[in-house]
Amino acid sequence: MSKNGVEKFYLTFVRHGETNLNLEGVLQGHVDAPLNDTGQQQAAEIGKHLQNEKYTYIYSSDLDRAFHTCSILLQKNKHAVSHVTSSNEMSDVKDLIKVDKKLRERKFGSMEGKPWHSLHKAAKTAGVDEIDFIPPGAESMHEVSVRGKEFFIDLCKTICQDWKLNSGNMNVCPNVLVVSHGGYIRSTLKMFHTDFGCPLQRYILQSFMVNCAKACFEVTLPSIEENESSFQFDAGSSSATTVDRIIINEMHGHNRFQITPPNLVVKIVAQSEI
């Protein structure tokens, strides 16, 4: 963390590995489907790819396919394994993971466990676009976006508060790992675009995130010590209401994980720095 009043951290989203329901084209939502053999191999591969990353905060959805992916990934991470081995309080890399239900996939209600084409057919019958169709008992995309925004703002608060508690003397730039779900991550990217003004290209906003793909971000925020009174969040607002209105800009030129689609790398900066 810098000493000039600006806080920076890195944020990596990883989608969970493959499940049998993925293979069958079934809407999972909150169905707690386990990883299949391929999904476990995918988690191990992304773990090898990220093995030298030192994560200071690790989060996962509470659904098994995400938590298991995170666990396997960390088993391949040199720093995670070393930390657990040298700790008297931890016996497994799973102990490093903070579970958060806000990271769950979208709830599809009555459509969960049914083929994807059933959702398309039901939306067509209702006369609405598939993205806007809300099955009985399901979440709207707006509700998923609000969850994503709440998690992100809570994360910013946590990191800034930790920086303050350490009097700004954090030895390394915080590095955050979040293992979640394709629909949730895609919704979060759209939320960055609409609520924070991130100029993302259309193909990114409409792209499908394959199993164990990653999306990387660099987040820069003013010091909470200087902006504590403005560090607020209104879940019902369509605009950013935290730290001088965060603005997101896309970044290029970072390493890309070759077995996945090109991962997105963006920079989140305070308006005062633009």
C-alpha atoms as a PDB file:
ATOM      1  CA  MET A   1       0.000   0.000   0.000  1.00  0.00           C
ATOM      2  CA  SER A   2       1.333   3.435  -0.804  1.00  0.00           C
ATOM      3  CA  LYS A   3       1.970   6.155   1.754  1.00  0.00           C
ATOM      4  CA  ASN A   4       0.494   8.980  -0.316  1.00  0.00           C
ATOM      5  CA  GLY A   5      -3.086   8.396   0.767  1.00  0.00           C
ATOM      6  CA  VAL A   6      -3.955   6.014  -2.049  1.00  0.00           C
ATOM      7  CA  GLU A   7      -4.732   2.349  -1.418  1.00  0.00           C
ATOM      8  CA  LYS A   8      -4.271  -0.302  -4.094  1.00  0.00           C
ATOM      9  CA  PHE A   9      -5.083  -3.980  -4.201  1.00  0.00           C
ATOM     10  CA  TYR A  10      -5.357  -6.744  -6.761  1.00  0.00           C
ATOM     11  CA  LEU A  11      -8.536  -8.742  -7.314  1.00  0.00           C
ATOM     12  CA  THR A  12      -8.887 -12.029  -9.197  1.00  0.00           C
ATOM     13  CA  PHE A  13     -12.199 -13.749  -9.895  1.00  0.00           C
ATOM     14  CA  VAL A  14     -12.167 -17.451 -10.835  1.00  0.00           C
ATOM     15  CA  ARG A  15     -15.196 -19.377 -12.023  1.00  0.00           C
ATOM     16  CA  HIS A  16     -15.713 -22.846 -10.521  1.00  0.00           C
ATOM     17  CA  GLY A  17     -14.748 -26.054 -12.326  1.00  0.00           C
ATOM     18  CA  GLU A  18     -17.061 -28.222 -14.389  1.00  0.00           C
ATOM     19  CA  THR A  19     -19.979 -30.203 -12.962  1.00  0.00           C
ATOM     20  CA  ASN A  20     -22.086 -32.886 -14.608  1.00  0.00           C
ATOM     21  CA  LEU A  21     -24.963 -30.410 -14.738  1.00  0.00           C
ATOM     22  CA  ASN A  22     -22.716 -28.063 -16.745  1.00  0.00           C
ATOM     23  CA  LEU A  23     -22.140 -30.878 -19.217  1.00  0.00           C
ATOM     24  CA  GLU A  24     -25.852 -31.584 -19.441  1.00  0.00           C
ATOM     25  CA  GLY A  25     -26.736 -27.937 -20.043  1.00  0.00           C
ATOM     26  CA  VAL A  26     -28.806 -27.714 -16.868  1.00  0.00           C
ATOM     27  CA  LEU A  27     -29.565 -24.529 -14.915  1.00  0.00           C
ATOM     28  CA  GLN A  28     -27.784 -24.970 -11.584  1.00  0.00           C
ATOM     29  CA  GLY A  29     -28.387 -21.739  -9.705  1.00  0.00           C
ATOM     30  CA  HIS A  30     -28.363 -22.663  -6.018  1.00  0.00           C
ATOM     31  CA  VAL A  31     -28.394 -26.414  -6.705  1.00  0.00           C
ATOM     32  CA  ASP A  32     -25.329 -27.671  -4.822  1.00  0.00           C
ATOM     33  CA  ALA A  33     -23.796 -29.820  -7.570  1.00  0.00           C
ATOM     34  CA  PRO A  34     -20.277 -31.213  -6.976  1.00  0.00           C
ATOM     35  CA  LEU A  35     -17.336 -30.959  -9.347  1.00  0.00           C
ATOM     36  CA  ASN A  36     -16.867 -33.876 -11.733  1.00  0.00           C
ATOM     37  CA  ASP A  37     -13.425 -35.320 -12.550  1.00  0.00           C
ATOM     38  CA  THR A  38     -12.848 -32.769 -15.303  1.00  0.00           C
ATOM     39  CA  GLY A  39     -13.808 -29.939 -12.959  1.00  0.00           C
ATOM     40  CA  GLN A  40     -11.282 -31.111 -10.383  1.00  0.00           C
ATOM     41  CA  GLN A  41      -8.587 -31.266 -13.064  1.00  0.00           C
ATOM     42  CA  GLN A  42      -9.497 -27.745 -14.204  1.00  0.00           C
ATOM     43  CA  ALA A  43      -9.200 -26.481 -10.627  1.00  0.00           C
ATOM     44  CA  ALA A  44      -5.767 -28.084 -10.329  1.00  0.00           C
ATOM     45  CA  GLU A  45      -4.657 -26.473 -13.605  1.00  0.00           C
ATOM     46  CA  ILE A  46      -5.731 -22.966 -12.632  1.00  0.00           C
ATOM     47  CA  GLY A  47      -4.067 -23.629  -9.269  1.00  0.00           C
ATOM     48  CA  LYS A  48      -0.783 -24.427 -11.015  1.00  0.00           C
ATOM     49  CA  HIS A  49      -1.152 -21.302 -13.134  1.00  0.00           C
ATOM     50  CA  LEU A  50      -1.624 -19.170 -10.004  1.00  0.00           C
ATOM     51  CA  GLN A  51       0.791 -21.121  -7.791  1.00  0.00           C
ATOM     52  CA  ASN A  52       3.148 -18.190  -7.217  1.00  0.00           C
ATOM     53  CA  GLU A  53       0.430 -15.681  -6.294  1.00  0.00           C
ATOM     54  CA  LYS A  54       0.431 -14.692  -2.638  1.00  0.00           C
ATOM     55  CA  TYR A  55      -3.179 -14.083  -1.627  1.00  0.00           C
ATOM     56  CA  THR A  56      -3.878 -12.013   1.466  1.00  0.00           C
ATOM     57  CA  TYR A  57      -7.670 -12.394   1.251  1.00  0.00           C
ATOM     58  CA  ILE A  58      -9.420 -15.504  -0.092  1.00  0.00           C
ATOM     59  CA  TYR A  59     -13.176 -15.737  -0.620  1.00  0.00           C
ATOM     60  CA  SER A  60     -15.509 -18.368  -2.024  1.00  0.00           C
ATOM     61  CA  SER A  61     -19.184 -18.916  -2.636  1.00  0.00           C
ATOM     62  CA  ASP A  62     -20.606 -21.383  -0.120  1.00  0.00           C
ATOM     63  CA  LEU A  63     -21.807 -23.697  -2.916  1.00  0.00           C
ATOM     64  CA  ASP A  64     -19.707 -26.860  -3.111  1.00  0.00           C
ATOM     65  CA  ARG A  65     -18.574 -26.486  -6.730  1.00  0.00           C
ATOM     66  CA  ALA A  66     -16.980 -23.118  -5.927  1.00  0.00           C
ATOM     67  CA  PHE A  67     -15.583 -24.013  -2.494  1.00  0.00           C
ATOM     68  CA  HIS A  68     -14.067 -27.274  -3.797  1.00  0.00           C
ATOM     69  CA  THR A  69     -12.517 -25.401  -6.735  1.00  0.00           C
ATOM     70  CA  CYS A  70     -10.994 -22.888  -4.316  1.00  0.00           C
ATOM     71  CA  SER A  71      -9.654 -25.674  -2.085  1.00  0.00           C
ATOM     72  CA  ILE A  72      -7.994 -27.529  -4.964  1.00  0.00           C
ATOM     73  CA  LEU A  73      -6.566 -24.277  -6.338  1.00  0.00           C
ATOM     74  CA  LEU A  74      -4.993 -23.451  -2.974  1.00  0.00           C
ATOM     75  CA  GLN A  75      -3.518 -26.939  -2.664  1.00  0.00           C
ATOM     76  CA  LYS A  76      -1.388 -26.021  -5.691  1.00  0.00           C
ATOM     77  CA  ASN A  77      -0.464 -22.595  -4.335  1.00  0.00           C
ATOM     78  CA  LYS A  78       3.021 -22.468  -2.820  1.00  0.00           C
ATOM     79  CA  HIS A  79       2.286 -19.632  -0.407  1.00  0.00           C
ATOM     80  CA  ALA A  80      -1.000 -21.106   0.828  1.00  0.00           C
ATOM     81  CA  VAL A  81       0.544 -24.506   1.487  1.00  0.00           C
ATOM     82  CA  SER A  82       3.555 -22.924   3.199  1.00  0.00           C
ATOM     83  CA  HIS A  83       1.332 -20.752   5.385  1.00  0.00           C
ATOM     84  CA  VAL A  84      -0.749 -23.692   6.573  1.00  0.00           C
ATOM     85  CA  THR A  85       2.322 -25.873   7.145  1.00  0.00           C
ATOM     86  CA  SER A  86       3.936 -23.240   9.367  1.00  0.00           C
ATOM     87  CA  SER A  87       0.742 -22.373  11.250  1.00  0.00           C
ATOM     88  CA  ASN A  88      -0.257 -23.783  14.615  1.00  0.00           C
ATOM     89  CA  GLU A  89      -3.877 -22.792  14.092  1.00  0.00           C
ATOM     90  CA  MET A  90      -4.558 -24.237  10.617  1.00  0.00           C
ATOM     91  CA  SER A  91      -4.555 -27.834   9.423  1.00  0.00           C
ATOM     92  CA  ASP A  92      -5.795 -27.416   5.844  1.00  0.00           C
ATOM     93  CA  VAL A  93      -5.799 -24.773   3.095  1.00  0.00           C
ATOM     94  CA  LYS A  94      -9.591 -24.732   3.486  1.00  0.00           C
ATOM     95  CA  ASP A  95      -9.003 -22.820   6.719  1.00  0.00           C
ATOM     96  CA  LEU A  96      -7.756 -19.880   4.631  1.00  0.00           C
ATOM     97  CA  ILE A  97     -11.079 -19.492   2.799  1.00  0.00           C
ATOM     98  CA  LYS A  98     -13.753 -17.013   3.865  1.00  0.00           C
ATOM     99  CA  VAL A  99     -17.154 -18.237   2.682  1.00  0.00           C
ATOM    100  CA  ASP A 100     -19.671 -15.608   1.583  1.00  0.00           C
ATOM    101  CA  LYS A 101     -23.204 -16.346   0.378  1.00  0.00           C
ATOM    102  CA  LYS A 102     -23.208 -13.069  -1.552  1.00  0.00           C
ATOM    103  CA  LEU A 103     -20.928 -14.841  -4.050  1.00  0.00           C
ATOM    104  CA  ARG A 104     -23.564 -17.446  -4.984  1.00  0.00           C
ATOM    105  CA  GLU A 105     -24.810 -17.945  -8.518  1.00  0.00           C
ATOM    106  CA  ARG A 106     -28.120 -16.391  -9.509  1.00  0.00           C
ATOM    107  CA  LYS A 107     -31.092 -18.231  -8.030  1.00  0.00           C
ATOM    108  CA  PHE A 108     -33.289 -19.547 -10.857  1.00  0.00           C
ATOM    109  CA  GLY A 109     -36.202 -20.649  -8.657  1.00  0.00           C
ATOM    110  CA  SER A 110     -38.592 -23.019 -10.429  1.00  0.00           C
ATOM    111  CA  MET A 111     -36.178 -23.363 -13.362  1.00  0.00           C
ATOM    112  CA  GLU A 112     -33.331 -24.845 -11.331  1.00  0.00           C
ATOM    113  CA  GLY A 113     -32.506 -28.381 -12.426  1.00  0.00           C
ATOM    114  CA  LYS A 114     -34.095 -27.828 -15.853  1.00  0.00           C
ATOM    115  CA  PRO A 115     -32.341 -27.473 -19.232  1.00  0.00           C
ATOM    116  CA  TRP A 116     -31.244 -23.997 -20.312  1.00  0.00           C
ATOM    117  CA  HIS A 117     -33.553 -24.156 -23.328  1.00  0.00           C
ATOM    118  CA  SER A 118     -36.515 -24.354 -20.925  1.00  0.00           C
ATOM    119  CA  LEU A 119     -35.636 -20.870 -19.669  1.00  0.00           C
ATOM    120  CA  HIS A 120     -35.460 -19.567 -23.219  1.00  0.00           C
ATOM    121  CA  LYS A 121     -38.808 -21.140 -24.067  1.00  0.00           C
ATOM    122  CA  ALA A 122     -40.489 -19.771 -20.926  1.00  0.00           C
ATOM    123  CA  ALA A 123     -39.143 -16.269 -21.584  1.00  0.00           C
ATOM    124  CA  LYS A 124     -40.381 -16.392 -25.171  1.00  0.00           C
ATOM    125  CA  THR A 125     -43.815 -17.499 -23.991  1.00  0.00           C
ATOM    126  CA  ALA A 126     -43.866 -14.601 -21.509  1.00  0.00           C
ATOM    127  CA  GLY A 127     -42.893 -12.194 -24.289  1.00  0.00           C
ATOM    128  CA  VAL A 128     -39.705 -10.925 -22.641  1.00  0.00           C
ATOM    129  CA  ASP A 129     -35.984 -11.222 -23.301  1.00  0.00           C
ATOM    130  CA  GLU A 130     -34.334 -14.169 -21.578  1.00  0.00           C
ATOM    131  CA  ILE A 131     -32.062 -11.841 -19.568  1.00  0.00           C
ATOM    132  CA  ASP A 132     -35.128 -10.027 -18.186  1.00  0.00           C
ATOM    133  CA  PHE A 133     -37.240 -13.102 -17.486  1.00  0.00           C
ATOM    134  CA  ILE A 134     -37.669 -13.916 -13.774  1.00  0.00           C
ATOM    135  CA  PRO A 135     -39.006 -17.439 -13.112  1.00  0.00           C
ATOM    136  CA  PRO A 136     -41.137 -17.982  -9.980  1.00  0.00           C
ATOM    137  CA  GLY A 137     -38.897 -17.919  -6.914  1.00  0.00           C
ATOM    138  CA  ALA A 138     -35.894 -16.650  -8.869  1.00  0.00           C
ATOM    139  CA  GLU A 139     -33.673 -13.604  -8.437  1.00  0.00           C
ATOM    140  CA  SER A 140     -33.682 -10.810 -10.971  1.00  0.00           C
ATOM    141  CA  MET A 141     -30.392  -9.855 -12.592  1.00  0.00           C
ATOM    142  CA  HIS A 142     -30.642  -6.558 -10.703  1.00  0.00           C
ATOM    143  CA  GLU A 143     -30.704  -8.423  -7.389  1.00  0.00           C
ATOM    144  CA  VAL A 144     -27.616 -10.395  -8.391  1.00  0.00           C
ATOM    145  CA  SER A 145     -25.893  -7.153  -9.369  1.00  0.00           C
ATOM    146  CA  VAL A 146     -26.738  -5.619  -5.982  1.00  0.00           C
ATOM    147  CA  ARG A 147     -25.179  -8.630  -4.246  1.00  0.00           C
ATOM    148  CA  GLY A 148     -22.054  -8.138  -6.337  1.00  0.00           C
ATOM    149  CA  LYS A 149     -21.884  -4.465  -5.475  1.00  0.00           C
ATOM    150  CA  GLU A 150     -22.378  -5.150  -1.769  1.00  0.00           C
ATOM    151  CA  PHE A 151     -19.546  -7.698  -1.775  1.00  0.00           C
ATOM    152  CA  PHE A 152     -17.200  -5.359  -3.641  1.00  0.00           C
ATOM    153  CA  ILE A 153     -17.849  -2.380  -1.364  1.00  0.00           C
ATOM    154  CA  ASP A 154     -17.509  -4.554   1.752  1.00  0.00           C
ATOM    155  CA  LEU A 155     -14.194  -5.802   0.393  1.00  0.00           C
ATOM    156  CA  CYS A 156     -12.948  -2.246  -0.186  1.00  0.00           C
ATOM    157  CA  LYS A 157     -13.968  -1.311   3.352  1.00  0.00           C
ATOM    158  CA  THR A 158     -12.212  -4.340   4.841  1.00  0.00           C
ATOM    159  CA  ILE A 159      -8.951  -3.641   3.043  1.00  0.00           C
ATOM    160  CA  CYS A 160      -8.979   0.079   3.827  1.00  0.00           C
ATOM    161  CA  GLN A 161      -9.801  -0.560   7.485  1.00  0.00           C
ATOM    162  CA  ASP A 162      -7.006  -3.140   7.731  1.00  0.00           C
ATOM    163  CA  TRP A 163      -4.660  -0.576   6.214  1.00  0.00           C
ATOM    164  CA  LYS A 164      -5.748   1.963   8.815  1.00  0.00           C
ATOM    165  CA  LEU A 165      -5.289  -0.506  11.690  1.00  0.00           C
ATOM    166  CA  ASN A 166      -1.747  -1.126  10.449  1.00  0.00           C
ATOM    167  CA  SER A 167      -1.088   2.635  10.277  1.00  0.00           C
ATOM    168  CA  GLY A 168      -0.533   2.348   6.537  1.00  0.00           C
ATOM    169  CA  ASN A 169       2.412  -0.019   7.026  1.00  0.00           C
ATOM    170  CA  MET A 170       1.271  -3.065   5.061  1.00  0.00           C
ATOM    171  CA  ASN A 171       4.331  -4.851   3.679  1.00  0.00           C
ATOM    172  CA  VAL A 172       2.713  -6.071   0.483  1.00  0.00           C
ATOM    173  CA  CYS A 173      -0.046  -4.869  -1.789  1.00  0.00           C
ATOM    174  CA  PRO A 174      -3.165  -6.877  -0.823  1.00  0.00           C
ATOM    175  CA  ASN A 175      -4.029  -9.605  -3.299  1.00  0.00           C
ATOM    176  CA  VAL A 176      -7.605 -10.929  -3.286  1.00  0.00           C
ATOM    177  CA  LEU A 177      -8.861 -14.237  -4.694  1.00  0.00           C
ATOM    178  CA  VAL A 178     -12.590 -14.767  -5.221  1.00  0.00           C
ATOM    179  CA  VAL A 179     -13.982 -18.087  -6.490  1.00  0.00           C
ATOM    180  CA  SER A 180     -17.543 -17.765  -7.678  1.00  0.00           C
ATOM    181  CA  HIS A 181     -19.866 -18.512 -10.607  1.00  0.00           C
ATOM    182  CA  GLY A 182     -20.094 -17.537 -14.264  1.00  0.00           C
ATOM    183  CA  GLY A 183     -23.396 -15.694 -14.081  1.00  0.00           C
ATOM    184  CA  TYR A 184     -22.388 -13.871 -10.908  1.00  0.00           C
ATOM    185  CA  ILE A 185     -19.029 -12.752 -12.293  1.00  0.00           C
ATOM    186  CA  ARG A 186     -20.570 -11.645 -15.595  1.00  0.00           C
ATOM    187  CA  SER A 187     -23.186  -9.676 -13.648  1.00  0.00           C
ATOM    188  CA  THR A 188     -20.429  -8.034 -11.610  1.00  0.00           C
ATOM    189  CA  LEU A 189     -18.596  -6.943 -14.753  1.00  0.00           C
ATOM    190  CA  LYS A 190     -21.806  -5.413 -16.088  1.00  0.00           C
ATOM    191  CA  MET A 191     -22.320  -3.711 -12.736  1.00  0.00           C
ATOM    192  CA  PHE A 192     -18.812  -2.219 -12.996  1.00  0.00           C
ATOM    193  CA  HIS A 193     -19.778  -0.945 -16.440  1.00  0.00           C
ATOM    194  CA  THR A 194     -23.182   0.515 -15.590  1.00  0.00           C
ATOM    195  CA  ASP A 195     -22.685   1.693 -12.000  1.00  0.00           C
ATOM    196  CA  PHE A 196     -19.022   2.709 -12.112  1.00  0.00           C
ATOM    197  CA  GLY A 197     -18.721   3.809 -15.742  1.00  0.00           C
ATOM    198  CA  CYS A 198     -16.187   1.184 -16.803  1.00  0.00           C
ATOM    199  CA  PRO A 199     -15.870   1.465 -20.627  1.00  0.00           C
ATOM    200  CA  LEU A 200     -15.902  -2.285 -21.266  1.00  0.00           C
ATOM    201  CA  GLN A 201     -16.239  -3.505 -24.820  1.00  0.00           C
ATOM    202  CA  ARG A 202     -19.529  -5.144 -25.790  1.00  0.00           C
ATOM    203  CA  TYR A 203     -17.948  -8.560 -26.489  1.00  0.00           C
ATOM    204  CA  ILE A 204     -16.660  -8.683 -22.906  1.00  0.00           C
ATOM    205  CA  LEU A 205     -20.046  -7.860 -21.425  1.00  0.00           C
ATOM    206  CA  GLN A 206     -21.739 -10.509 -23.550  1.00  0.00           C
ATOM    207  CA  SER A 207     -19.067 -13.207 -23.375  1.00  0.00           C
ATOM    208  CA  PHE A 208     -19.491 -16.600 -21.707  1.00  0.00           C
ATOM    209  CA  MET A 209     -16.969 -17.408 -18.995  1.00  0.00           C
ATOM    210  CA  VAL A 210     -15.792 -21.022 -19.253  1.00  0.00           C
ATOM    211  CA  ASN A 211     -15.109 -23.174 -16.206  1.00  0.00           C
ATOM    212  CA  CYS A 212     -12.042 -22.037 -14.228  1.00  0.00           C
ATOM    213  CA  ALA A 213     -11.524 -18.926 -16.356  1.00  0.00           C
ATOM    214  CA  LYS A 214     -10.200 -15.927 -14.448  1.00  0.00           C
ATOM    215  CA  ALA A 215     -10.751 -12.170 -14.530  1.00  0.00           C
ATOM    216  CA  CYS A 216      -8.141  -9.878 -12.981  1.00  0.00           C
ATOM    217  CA  PHE A 217      -8.467  -6.354 -11.630  1.00  0.00           C
ATOM    218  CA  GLU A 218      -6.317  -3.633 -10.103  1.00  0.00           C
ATOM    219  CA  VAL A 219      -8.247  -1.523  -7.622  1.00  0.00           C
ATOM    220  CA  THR A 220      -7.060   1.912  -6.477  1.00  0.00           C
ATOM    221  CA  LEU A 221      -8.902   3.826  -3.755  1.00  0.00           C
ATOM    222  CA  PRO A 222      -8.153   6.968  -1.742  1.00  0.00           C
ATOM    223  CA  SER A 223      -7.250   6.444   1.884  1.00  0.00           C
ATOM    224  CA  ILE A 224     -10.206   5.629   4.114  1.00  0.00           C
ATOM    225  CA  GLU A 225      -8.504   7.883   6.666  1.00  0.00           C
ATOM    226  CA  GLU A 226      -9.080  10.867   4.369  1.00  0.00           C
ATOM    227  CA  ASN A 227     -12.492   9.789   3.080  1.00  0.00           C
ATOM    228  CA  GLU A 228     -14.019   7.892   5.986  1.00  0.00           C
ATOM    229  CA  SER A 229     -17.163  10.025   6.082  1.00  0.00           C
ATOM    230  CA  SER A 230     -17.847   9.435   2.365  1.00  0.00           C
ATOM    231  CA  PHE A 231     -17.229   5.682   2.449  1.00  0.00           C
ATOM    232  CA  GLN A 232     -20.892   4.760   2.123  1.00  0.00           C
ATOM    233  CA  PHE A 233     -22.930   2.416  -0.029  1.00  0.00           C
ATOM    234  CA  ASP A 234     -26.570   2.504  -1.030  1.00  0.00           C
ATOM    235  CA  ALA A 235     -27.603  -0.859  -2.496  1.00  0.00           C
ATOM    236  CA  GLY A 236     -30.631   0.715  -4.131  1.00  0.00           C
ATOM    237  CA  SER A 237     -28.661   3.392  -5.934  1.00  0.00           C
ATOM    238  CA  SER A 238     -27.705   3.091  -9.592  1.00  0.00           C
ATOM    239  CA  SER A 239     -24.507   5.042  -9.048  1.00  0.00           C
ATOM    240  CA  ALA A 240     -21.366   4.596  -7.000  1.00  0.00           C
ATOM    241  CA  THR A 241     -21.633   6.313  -3.621  1.00  0.00           C
ATOM    242  CA  THR A 242     -18.278   5.395  -2.162  1.00  0.00           C
ATOM    243  CA  VAL A 243     -14.888   7.086  -2.005  1.00  0.00           C
ATOM    244  CA  ASP A 244     -15.405   9.994  -4.381  1.00  0.00           C
ATOM    245  CA  ARG A 245     -17.382   7.866  -6.859  1.00  0.00           C
ATOM    246  CA  ILE A 246     -15.163   5.022  -8.094  1.00  0.00           C
ATOM    247  CA  ILE A 247     -14.541   4.911 -11.838  1.00  0.00           C
ATOM    248  CA  ILE A 248     -13.343   1.810 -13.697  1.00  0.00           C
ATOM    249  CA  ASN A 249     -11.023   1.767 -16.707  1.00  0.00           C
ATOM    250  CA  GLU A 250     -10.026  -1.260 -18.729  1.00  0.00           C
ATOM    251  CA  MET A 251      -6.354  -2.243 -18.744  1.00  0.00           C
ATOM    252  CA  HIS A 252      -4.426  -4.244 -21.357  1.00  0.00           C
ATOM    253  CA  GLY A 253      -1.141  -6.075 -21.698  1.00  0.00           C
ATOM    254  CA  HIS A 254      -1.332  -8.474 -18.743  1.00  0.00           C
ATOM    255  CA  ASN A 255      -0.520 -12.190 -18.979  1.00  0.00           C
ATOM    256  CA  ARG A 256      -3.453 -14.313 -20.067  1.00  0.00           C
ATOM    257  CA  PHE A 257      -4.310 -17.856 -19.066  1.00  0.00           C
ATOM    258  CA  GLN A 258      -4.133 -19.680 -22.386  1.00  0.00           C
ATOM    259  CA  ILE A 259      -6.680 -22.444 -21.728  1.00  0.00           C
ATOM    260  CA  THR A 260      -9.394 -19.843 -21.026  1.00  0.00           C
ATOM    261  CA  PRO A 261     -10.851 -16.992 -23.075  1.00  0.00           C
ATOM    262  CA  PRO A 262      -8.818 -13.765 -22.736  1.00  0.00           C
ATOM    263  CA  ASN A 263      -9.229 -12.677 -19.140  1.00  0.00           C
ATOM    264  CA  LEU A 264     -10.402  -9.186 -18.374  1.00  0.00           C
ATOM    265  CA  VAL A 265      -8.071  -6.845 -16.539  1.00  0.00           C
ATOM    266  CA  VAL A 266      -9.385  -3.466 -15.414  1.00  0.00           C
ATOM    267  CA  LYS A 267      -8.205  -0.675 -13.194  1.00  0.00           C
ATOM    268  CA  ILE A 268     -10.489   0.933 -10.682  1.00  0.00           C
ATOM    269  CA  VAL A 269      -9.430   4.464  -9.798  1.00  0.00           C
ATOM    270  CA  ALA A 270     -10.823   7.388  -7.869  1.00  0.00           C
ATOM    271  CA  GLN A 271     -12.307  10.210  -9.917  1.00  0.00           C
ATOM    272  CA  SER A 272      -9.863  12.632  -8.322  1.00  0.00           C
ATOM    273  CA  GLU A 273      -6.994  10.798 -10.050  1.00  0.00           C
ATOM    274  CA  ILE A 274      -8.459  10.961 -13.568  1.00  0.00           C
END
